[in-house]
Amino acid sequence: MRFLIFIFAFLFIVAIFFVDNKILNAKFKILLTALILCVGGSAYFYENFSANFAKNSQQIVNAFNAGKSVKCRGESVESAHFTYSFSLNSFIAKKDAPHPYNGKIYEIKECEL
């Protein structure tokens, strides 16, 4: 996907510079090129961040489902006392969890292995 975005941006920038200077002056071409590069760079970094977050979240869920303990806000989250909600992307204490865990909810972004 990234490759296609870069090809599209490159072709668009090349097309801009082939437009006659009477239609688009040089300053506007440079400004438009800088804008395209900024938007493309932002999209690239956002996509990288999103992919890394999804990978990290999946590793945490896999470890939790395998019975390993996950640390969330400094507390231990174990499958004996918590369930994972895919719709909320959170660990939720079970109804029969003991007092220190009762009613607690931890978002996956607060957790680590």
Protein backbone atom coordinates (compact mmCIF):
# COMPACT_ATOMS: atom_id res chain seq x y z
CA MET A 1 0.00 0.00 0.00
CA ARG A 2 2.80 2.40 0.87
CA PHE A 3 4.46 1.69 -2.44
CA LEU A 4 1.32 2.61 -4.37
CA ILE A 5 0.94 5.84 -2.41
CA PHE A 6 4.52 6.85 -3.18
CA ILE A 7 4.13 6.02 -6.87
CA PHE A 8 0.90 8.05 -7.05
CA ALA A 9 2.49 11.01 -5.24
CA PHE A 10 5.56 10.88 -7.48
CA LEU A 11 3.48 10.78 -10.66
CA PHE A 12 1.30 13.63 -9.42
CA ILE A 13 4.37 15.76 -8.60
CA VAL A 14 5.88 15.03 -12.02
CA ALA A 15 2.58 15.95 -13.68
CA ILE A 16 2.51 19.24 -11.77
CA PHE A 17 5.94 20.21 -13.09
CA PHE A 18 4.91 19.41 -16.68
CA VAL A 19 2.08 21.93 -16.49
CA ASP A 20 2.90 25.16 -18.32
CA ASN A 21 4.16 28.03 -16.14
CA LYS A 22 1.38 30.26 -17.50
CA ILE A 23 -1.21 28.03 -15.81
CA LEU A 24 0.69 27.31 -12.56
CA ASN A 25 3.59 29.52 -11.56
CA ALA A 26 6.79 28.06 -10.07
CA LYS A 27 6.03 29.16 -6.49
CA PHE A 28 2.65 27.42 -6.55
CA LYS A 29 4.23 24.25 -7.99
CA ILE A 30 6.79 24.17 -5.18
CA LEU A 31 4.12 24.87 -2.57
CA LEU A 32 1.90 22.11 -3.97
CA THR A 33 4.84 19.69 -4.05
CA ALA A 34 5.71 20.47 -0.43
CA LEU A 35 2.08 19.96 0.56
CA ILE A 36 1.93 16.59 -1.22
CA LEU A 37 5.18 15.50 0.45
CA CYS A 38 3.90 16.54 3.89
CA VAL A 39 0.61 14.70 3.44
CA GLY A 40 2.40 11.63 2.07
CA GLY A 41 4.94 11.67 4.91
CA SER A 42 2.20 12.03 7.49
CA ALA A 43 0.27 9.13 5.97
CA TYR A 44 3.43 6.99 5.97
CA PHE A 45 4.18 7.66 9.65
CA TYR A 46 0.54 7.16 10.67
CA GLU A 47 0.39 3.84 8.85
CA ASN A 48 3.65 2.72 10.53
CA PHE A 49 2.33 3.72 13.95
CA SER A 50 -0.97 1.95 13.34
CA ALA A 51 0.73 -1.24 12.14
CA ASN A 52 3.10 -1.31 15.14
CA PHE A 53 0.22 -0.73 17.57
CA ALA A 54 -1.83 -3.53 16.00
CA LYS A 55 1.15 -5.92 16.12
CA ASN A 56 1.88 -5.06 19.75
CA SER A 57 -1.79 -5.43 20.71
CA GLN A 58 -1.98 -8.82 19.03
CA GLN A 59 1.12 -10.02 20.90
CA ILE A 60 -0.40 -8.92 24.22
CA VAL A 61 -3.71 -10.68 23.48
CA ASN A 62 -1.92 -13.84 22.36
CA ALA A 63 0.14 -13.89 25.56
CA PHE A 64 -2.99 -13.30 27.67
CA ASN A 65 -4.86 -16.10 25.88
CA ALA A 66 -1.86 -18.41 26.41
CA GLY A 67 -2.22 -17.89 30.17
CA LYS A 68 0.66 -15.47 30.67
CA SER A 69 0.38 -12.47 32.95
CA VAL A 70 0.15 -9.03 31.34
CA LYS A 71 1.10 -5.79 33.13
CA CYS A 72 -1.45 -2.99 32.92
CA ARG A 73 -0.78 0.24 34.85
CA GLY A 74 1.63 -1.70 37.04
CA GLU A 75 -0.91 -4.39 37.99
CA SER A 76 -0.92 -8.00 36.89
CA VAL A 77 -3.75 -9.00 34.55
CA GLU A 78 -4.34 -12.76 34.34
CA SER A 79 -6.93 -14.84 32.54
CA ALA A 80 -8.14 -16.23 35.89
CA HIS A 81 -9.56 -12.82 36.86
CA PHE A 82 -10.03 -10.99 33.53
CA THR A 83 -11.52 -11.50 30.11
CA TYR A 84 -10.53 -9.75 26.90
CA SER A 85 -13.21 -7.81 25.06
CA PHE A 86 -12.46 -7.47 21.35
CA SER A 87 -15.17 -4.87 20.85
CA LEU A 88 -13.76 -2.60 23.57
CA ASN A 89 -10.13 -3.64 23.00
CA SER A 90 -9.84 -3.92 26.79
CA PHE A 91 -9.31 -6.37 29.63
CA ILE A 92 -12.39 -6.47 31.86
CA ALA A 93 -12.54 -8.04 35.33
CA LYS A 94 -14.80 -11.07 35.57
CA LYS A 95 -17.96 -10.82 37.67
CA ASP A 96 -16.60 -13.31 40.22
CA ALA A 97 -13.15 -11.67 40.46
CA PRO A 98 -11.83 -11.06 43.98
CA HIS A 99 -12.01 -7.61 45.58
CA PRO A 100 -8.80 -5.98 44.25
CA TYR A 101 -9.78 -6.82 40.64
CA ASN A 102 -13.53 -6.31 40.86
CA GLY A 103 -14.83 -3.67 38.41
CA LYS A 104 -11.47 -2.88 36.81
CA ILE A 105 -11.09 -2.24 33.09
CA TYR A 106 -7.73 -1.82 31.34
CA GLU A 107 -7.41 -0.65 27.76
CA ILE A 108 -4.89 -2.60 25.72
CA LYS A 109 -2.84 0.56 25.11
CA GLU A 110 -2.15 0.69 28.88
CA CYS A 111 -0.69 -2.82 28.90
CA GLU A 112 2.63 -4.44 28.14
CA LEU A 113 4.15 -7.90 28.24
